[in-house]
Amino acid sequence: MSRWNWRLESSSNNQHGSDLKNLMKKIAFIIPPTVELLDLAGPVQVFTEAKFQGFDVDIEFFLYEKSPVSTCGLVFGKIQGFKKARLNEGDFVFIPGMDQGYLQSSSFKSKKAFFKWLRDCHENKINVCSVCNGAFALGEAGLLDDVECTTHWRRVEELQRSYPKAKVLDNVLYVKRDRLCTSAGISAGIDLALSILEEIAGSYFTHKVARGLVFYHRGNGQRSQPSHYLNFRNHINMKVHEVQDYIVHNIDSDNPIGVLAAVAGMSARNLTRLFRQTTGITINQYVTNLRVETAKGLLKDPQNSLAYIASRCGFKSARQLQRILK
């Protein structure tokens, strides 16, 4: 699998505001006729929440045919055409899903200028992404030839028939290959957008965005797999969330129960009971899980020694880390 040219490798769990401004990207959403609203709104809301959290992302909207109307009948206001988009290397273009009848029409297939524009975007190292059957637009542009991709499960066979050179995958949420992203239907667009954000701004920042969206069960491209920052956070007790946030920011510390109780503003006994009741595990189990998963992430960088990883994750020694990982 090709690595993404915009991937940010960071050893920190948290990006500071100044760092996030240095990571600015432009996300252009192309609104087709008969657009599926959630295919559009899901990824848009991810990046809107990221902007609220401090990520200096520029979100723009364009169309490739006049007067788009959503599949539910919602009419859009005045929007510029796609040729007005000014995108640079590393930026993103999203093509949301649309009514399948439109995809089978001569009107769709006649948009040669738009498909050439998509090809030009990709050649200029702009990341081209589709949600649901928006993948058909990538197919018409010739971008799926010999490329692994996916779409809504109802349209997998049709996508393969329409573009025989494509390597269409079934039972996956999204696929990222060589600056091309394709995702399954509806909520998979949110998973894809969160995955892109995580590659740019890091896991912990993306966890905060997912929390803001009350989106606790993320999936990766192959199967449902929550981020370890989201595990045991599908609750609404803000005191316990504050304690969990404190642990994340101080994973290299001992985190004694007295300190955590002070963070929550309650007794140690009450916090111990409330934490287990709310999350389903003990505080010690949560800390250990978080340390292990953080250590696994740091182990991916061969420049990190075991002693360094152990100290970063709050383990007493490299030997303790090795024993726990086994």
Protein backbone atom coordinates (compact mmCIF):
# COMPACT_ATOMS: atom_id res chain seq x y z
CA MET A 1 0.00 0.00 0.00
CA SER A 2 1.34 3.42 -0.93
CA ARG A 3 2.21 5.80 1.87
CA TRP A 4 0.45 9.14 1.89
CA ASN A 5 2.60 12.14 1.03
CA TRP A 6 0.84 14.25 3.66
CA ARG A 7 1.24 11.82 6.56
CA LEU A 8 2.43 13.47 9.75
CA GLU A 9 4.48 11.29 12.08
CA SER A 10 4.34 12.63 15.61
CA SER A 11 5.44 11.14 18.92
CA SER A 12 3.10 13.40 20.81
CA ASN A 13 -0.43 12.48 21.85
CA ASN A 14 -1.54 16.07 21.59
CA GLN A 15 -1.08 18.71 18.91
CA HIS A 16 -0.73 22.30 20.09
CA GLY A 17 -2.73 25.06 18.45
CA SER A 18 0.30 26.51 16.63
CA ASP A 19 1.16 23.08 15.23
CA LEU A 20 -2.38 22.62 13.95
CA LYS A 21 -2.23 25.92 12.09
CA ASN A 22 0.93 24.75 10.33
CA LEU A 23 -1.00 21.71 9.08
CA MET A 24 -3.61 23.72 7.19
CA LYS A 25 -5.32 21.87 4.32
CA LYS A 26 -8.08 22.79 1.92
CA ILE A 27 -11.00 20.37 1.62
CA ALA A 28 -13.15 20.90 -1.48
CA PHE A 29 -16.54 19.20 -1.62
CA ILE A 30 -18.06 18.78 -5.08
CA ILE A 31 -21.86 18.72 -4.89
CA PRO A 32 -23.40 16.60 -7.67
CA PRO A 33 -27.06 16.66 -8.71
CA THR A 34 -29.24 14.44 -6.48
CA VAL A 35 -26.55 14.33 -3.80
CA GLU A 36 -27.06 12.07 -0.77
CA LEU A 37 -27.07 14.51 2.15
CA LEU A 38 -25.31 12.36 4.75
CA ASP A 39 -22.59 11.40 2.27
CA LEU A 40 -21.86 15.12 2.06
CA ALA A 41 -22.68 16.27 5.59
CA GLY A 42 -20.84 13.48 7.44
CA PRO A 43 -17.30 14.29 6.23
CA VAL A 44 -18.08 18.02 6.24
CA GLN A 45 -19.01 17.86 9.92
CA VAL A 46 -15.79 16.01 10.77
CA PHE A 47 -13.65 18.79 9.34
CA THR A 48 -15.96 21.48 10.73
CA GLU A 49 -15.51 20.02 14.23
CA ALA A 50 -11.76 19.82 13.62
CA LYS A 51 -11.80 23.52 12.75
CA PHE A 52 -13.69 24.24 15.97
CA GLN A 53 -11.01 22.29 17.87
CA GLY A 54 -8.22 24.41 16.37
CA PHE A 55 -7.31 22.76 13.04
CA ASP A 56 -6.99 25.55 10.46
CA VAL A 57 -8.76 23.73 7.63
CA ASP A 58 -10.34 25.59 4.71
CA ILE A 59 -13.67 23.99 3.67
CA GLU A 60 -15.09 24.94 0.28
CA PHE A 61 -18.04 23.79 -1.82
CA PHE A 62 -18.34 23.56 -5.59
CA LEU A 63 -20.69 21.97 -8.11
CA TYR A 64 -20.25 20.38 -11.51
CA GLU A 65 -23.77 20.93 -12.78
CA LYS A 66 -26.13 23.83 -12.23
CA SER A 67 -28.76 23.86 -9.47
CA PRO A 68 -28.03 20.66 -7.49
CA VAL A 69 -30.89 19.18 -5.50
CA SER A 70 -30.44 16.50 -2.82
CA THR A 71 -32.19 13.14 -3.05
CA CYS A 72 -34.56 14.30 -0.30
CA GLY A 73 -35.49 17.42 -2.26
CA LEU A 74 -33.39 20.01 -0.43
CA VAL A 75 -32.29 22.75 -2.85
CA PHE A 76 -28.86 24.37 -2.56
CA GLY A 77 -28.12 28.06 -2.93
CA LYS A 78 -25.68 29.71 -5.30
CA ILE A 79 -22.43 27.73 -5.49
CA GLN A 80 -19.44 28.17 -7.79
CA GLY A 81 -18.50 25.59 -10.39
CA PHE A 82 -15.59 23.19 -9.88
CA LYS A 83 -13.35 25.14 -12.27
CA LYS A 84 -13.21 27.93 -9.68
CA ALA A 85 -11.49 25.67 -7.16
CA ARG A 86 -7.89 26.63 -6.38
CA LEU A 87 -6.26 23.54 -4.93
CA ASN A 88 -2.64 22.79 -4.11
CA GLU A 89 -0.60 19.65 -3.62
CA GLY A 90 -1.79 17.79 -0.53
CA ASP A 91 -5.32 19.25 -0.55
CA PHE A 92 -8.45 17.09 -0.81
CA VAL A 93 -11.42 16.76 -3.14
CA PHE A 94 -14.50 14.85 -1.89
CA ILE A 95 -17.15 13.43 -4.25
CA PRO A 96 -20.23 12.37 -2.21
CA GLY A 97 -22.76 9.79 -3.37
CA MET A 98 -25.77 10.56 -5.51
CA ASP A 99 -28.92 9.00 -6.89
CA GLN A 100 -28.04 5.82 -8.77
CA GLY A 101 -30.42 6.69 -11.58
CA TYR A 102 -28.41 9.82 -12.31
CA LEU A 103 -25.20 7.78 -12.50
CA GLN A 104 -26.77 5.66 -15.23
CA SER A 105 -27.89 8.68 -17.24
CA SER A 106 -26.25 10.19 -20.30
CA SER A 107 -26.06 13.49 -18.43
CA PHE A 108 -23.63 12.00 -15.89
CA LYS A 109 -21.40 10.34 -18.47
CA SER A 110 -21.29 13.50 -20.60
CA LYS A 111 -19.38 15.48 -17.93
CA LYS A 112 -16.04 14.94 -19.67
CA ALA A 113 -14.60 18.26 -18.48
CA PHE A 114 -15.28 17.33 -14.86
CA PHE A 115 -13.69 13.90 -15.20
CA LYS A 116 -10.61 15.45 -16.82
CA TRP A 117 -10.47 17.92 -13.93
CA LEU A 118 -10.44 15.01 -11.47
CA ARG A 119 -7.59 13.37 -13.38
CA ASP A 120 -5.67 16.64 -13.36
CA CYS A 121 -6.22 16.95 -9.61
CA HIS A 122 -4.76 13.51 -9.03
CA GLU A 123 -1.81 14.16 -11.32
CA ASN A 124 -1.12 17.36 -9.38
CA LYS A 125 -0.91 15.31 -6.15
CA ILE A 126 -4.28 16.41 -4.83
CA ASN A 127 -6.04 13.66 -2.86
CA VAL A 128 -9.28 12.56 -4.54
CA CYS A 129 -11.88 10.95 -2.25
CA SER A 130 -15.32 9.45 -2.84
CA VAL A 131 -18.16 8.50 -0.53
CA CYS A 132 -20.61 5.75 -1.48
CA ASN A 133 -21.28 5.61 -5.24
CA GLY A 134 -19.24 8.77 -5.78
CA ALA A 135 -16.64 6.16 -6.75
CA PHE A 136 -18.38 5.96 -10.15
CA ALA A 137 -17.12 9.48 -10.88
CA LEU A 138 -13.58 8.30 -10.15
CA GLY A 139 -14.20 5.36 -12.45
CA GLU A 140 -15.37 7.62 -15.28
CA ALA A 141 -12.22 9.67 -14.77
CA GLY A 142 -10.11 6.54 -15.25
CA LEU A 143 -8.67 6.82 -11.75
CA LEU A 144 -9.71 3.32 -10.65
CA ASP A 145 -7.78 1.38 -13.28
CA ASP A 146 -5.68 -1.27 -11.48
CA VAL A 147 -6.51 0.37 -8.16
CA GLU A 148 -8.14 -1.24 -5.10
CA CYS A 149 -11.34 0.61 -4.23
CA THR A 150 -14.80 0.17 -2.73
CA THR A 151 -18.31 1.60 -2.69
CA HIS A 152 -21.70 0.97 -1.06
CA TRP A 153 -22.30 -2.77 -0.72
CA ARG A 154 -25.32 -2.56 -3.02
CA ARG A 155 -23.14 -1.15 -5.82
CA VAL A 156 -19.97 -3.25 -5.52
CA GLU A 157 -20.84 -5.62 -8.38
CA GLU A 158 -22.08 -2.78 -10.56
CA LEU A 159 -18.91 -0.78 -9.99
CA GLN A 160 -16.84 -3.79 -11.01
CA ARG A 161 -18.93 -4.36 -14.15
CA SER A 162 -18.78 -0.70 -15.12
CA TYR A 163 -15.02 -0.44 -14.67
CA PRO A 164 -13.51 -3.91 -15.23
CA LYS A 165 -9.94 -2.72 -14.62
CA ALA A 166 -10.81 -1.61 -11.08
CA LYS A 167 -10.04 -3.91 -8.15
CA VAL A 168 -13.28 -3.50 -6.25
CA LEU A 169 -13.21 -4.76 -2.65
CA ASP A 170 -16.26 -5.92 -0.73
CA ASN A 171 -16.88 -5.78 3.04
CA VAL A 172 -14.52 -2.87 3.74
CA LEU A 173 -15.36 0.59 5.04
CA TYR A 174 -12.82 2.49 2.98
CA VAL A 175 -9.66 2.06 0.92
CA LYS A 176 -6.75 4.52 0.61
CA ARG A 177 -4.34 3.97 -2.27
CA ASP A 178 -1.93 6.42 -3.92
CA ARG A 179 -3.82 9.65 -3.12
CA LEU A 180 -7.16 7.99 -3.92
CA CYS A 181 -9.78 7.31 -1.24
CA THR A 182 -13.00 5.40 -1.75
CA SER A 183 -15.48 4.56 0.99
CA ALA A 184 -18.65 2.58 1.49
CA GLY A 185 -22.00 4.26 1.97
CA ILE A 186 -23.36 6.83 4.41
CA SER A 187 -21.50 6.71 7.77
CA ALA A 188 -18.37 5.19 6.20
CA GLY A 189 -17.66 8.68 4.89
CA ILE A 190 -17.29 9.80 8.51
CA ASP A 191 -14.86 6.95 9.20
CA LEU A 192 -12.84 7.93 6.14
CA ALA A 193 -12.74 11.61 7.12
CA LEU A 194 -11.63 10.73 10.66
CA SER A 195 -8.92 8.47 9.25
CA ILE A 196 -7.64 11.28 7.03
CA LEU A 197 -7.69 13.69 9.97
CA GLU A 198 -5.80 11.19 12.11
CA GLU A 199 -3.06 10.89 9.49
CA ILE A 200 -2.67 14.68 9.43
CA ALA A 201 -3.21 15.79 13.02
CA GLY A 202 -2.65 12.67 15.12
CA SER A 203 -4.71 10.17 17.08
CA TYR A 204 -5.47 12.19 20.17
CA PHE A 205 -6.70 15.25 18.28
CA THR A 206 -8.92 12.99 16.17
CA HIS A 207 -10.25 11.40 19.35
CA LYS A 208 -11.31 14.85 20.55
CA VAL A 209 -13.05 15.50 17.24
CA ALA A 210 -14.85 12.14 17.39
CA ARG A 211 -15.95 12.91 20.94
CA GLY A 212 -17.29 16.27 19.82
CA LEU A 213 -19.35 14.42 17.22
CA VAL A 214 -20.46 11.84 19.83
CA PHE A 215 -18.96 9.27 17.46
CA TYR A 216 -17.38 6.66 19.70
CA HIS A 217 -17.23 3.53 17.55
CA ARG A 218 -14.82 4.22 14.72
CA GLY A 219 -13.87 1.68 12.12
CA ASN A 220 -10.72 1.29 10.09
CA GLY A 221 -10.65 0.31 6.45
CA GLN A 222 -10.80 -3.42 7.01
CA ARG A 223 -13.04 -3.91 10.03
CA SER A 224 -14.60 -2.22 13.00
CA GLN A 225 -11.74 -1.16 15.26
CA PRO A 226 -12.09 1.70 17.75
CA SER A 227 -9.09 3.90 18.43
CA HIS A 228 -7.58 3.19 21.84
CA TYR A 229 -8.29 6.82 22.73
CA LEU A 230 -11.99 6.10 22.20
CA ASN A 231 -12.18 2.79 24.02
CA PHE A 232 -14.38 2.91 27.13
CA ARG A 233 -15.53 6.46 26.32
CA ASN A 234 -19.01 5.75 25.00
CA HIS A 235 -20.61 7.35 28.05
CA ILE A 236 -21.79 10.85 28.96
CA ASN A 237 -20.30 11.27 32.46
CA MET A 238 -18.16 14.40 32.12
CA LYS A 239 -16.33 13.82 35.42
CA VAL A 240 -15.09 10.44 34.21
CA HIS A 241 -14.19 11.99 30.83
CA GLU A 242 -12.11 14.60 32.66
CA VAL A 243 -10.25 11.87 34.52
CA GLN A 244 -9.66 9.94 31.30
CA ASP A 245 -8.38 13.09 29.59
CA TYR A 246 -6.03 13.71 32.51
CA ILE A 247 -4.66 10.17 32.25
CA VAL A 248 -4.08 10.57 28.50
CA HIS A 249 -2.12 13.79 29.06
CA ASN A 250 -0.15 12.28 31.94
CA ILE A 251 0.34 8.72 30.73
CA ASP A 252 4.00 8.83 31.80
CA SER A 253 3.04 9.60 35.42
CA ASP A 254 1.94 7.30 38.25
CA ASN A 255 -1.55 8.82 38.32
CA PRO A 256 -2.30 8.02 41.99
CA ILE A 257 -5.95 7.68 42.86
CA GLY A 258 -5.79 10.74 45.12
CA VAL A 259 -4.71 12.98 42.23
CA LEU A 260 -7.37 11.53 39.92
CA ALA A 261 -10.02 11.99 42.61
CA ALA A 262 -9.02 15.65 42.93
CA VAL A 263 -9.40 16.06 39.16
CA ALA A 264 -12.92 14.66 39.41
CA GLY A 265 -13.72 16.64 42.54
CA MET A 266 -14.84 13.60 44.54
CA SER A 267 -13.49 11.06 46.99
CA ALA A 268 -11.16 8.28 45.84
CA ARG A 269 -13.70 5.65 46.84
CA ASN A 270 -16.51 7.34 44.90
CA LEU A 271 -14.33 7.78 41.80
CA THR A 272 -13.23 4.14 41.88
CA ARG A 273 -16.84 2.99 42.01
CA LEU A 274 -18.10 5.52 39.44
CA PHE A 275 -15.28 4.84 36.95
CA ARG A 276 -15.94 1.10 36.90
CA GLN A 277 -19.70 1.58 36.78
CA THR A 278 -19.40 4.02 33.87
CA THR A 279 -16.68 2.37 31.75
CA GLY A 280 -16.93 -1.30 32.70
CA ILE A 281 -13.27 -1.55 33.77
CA THR A 282 -11.13 -0.35 36.68
CA ILE A 283 -8.91 2.72 36.55
CA ASN A 284 -5.79 0.53 36.68
CA GLN A 285 -7.03 -1.55 33.76
CA TYR A 286 -7.75 1.59 31.76
CA VAL A 287 -4.30 3.04 32.45
CA THR A 288 -2.59 -0.23 31.51
CA ASN A 289 -4.58 -0.58 28.29
CA LEU A 290 -3.76 2.98 27.28
CA ARG A 291 -0.07 2.54 28.06
CA VAL A 292 0.18 -0.69 26.10
CA GLU A 293 -1.55 0.72 23.02
CA THR A 294 0.52 3.90 23.17
CA ALA A 295 3.68 1.79 23.43
CA LYS A 296 2.63 -0.25 20.39
CA GLY A 297 2.25 2.96 18.42
CA LEU A 298 5.71 4.19 19.46
CA LEU A 299 7.25 0.81 18.61
CA LYS A 300 6.41 1.42 14.95
CA ASP A 301 9.25 3.94 14.84
CA PRO A 302 12.56 1.99 14.87
CA GLN A 303 14.36 5.05 16.22
CA ASN A 304 12.52 4.74 19.54
CA SER A 305 14.41 2.60 22.06
CA LEU A 306 12.56 0.36 24.52
CA ALA A 307 13.84 2.45 27.40
CA TYR A 308 12.51 5.64 25.79
CA ILE A 309 9.11 4.07 25.07
CA ALA A 310 8.88 2.71 28.61
CA SER A 311 9.54 6.14 30.10
CA ARG A 312 7.07 7.82 27.71
CA CYS A 313 4.32 5.38 28.66
CA GLY A 314 4.83 5.31 32.41
CA PHE A 315 6.45 1.89 32.72
CA LYS A 316 9.20 1.47 35.33
CA SER A 317 11.68 -0.14 32.93
CA ALA A 318 12.13 -1.58 29.46
CA ARG A 319 11.96 -5.03 31.03
CA GLN A 320 8.51 -4.31 32.49
CA LEU A 321 7.36 -3.07 29.09
CA GLN A 322 8.61 -6.26 27.39
CA ARG A 323 6.89 -8.43 30.00
CA ILE A 324 3.55 -6.65 29.63
CA LEU A 325 3.70 -6.69 25.82
CA LYS A 326 4.21 -10.46 25.91
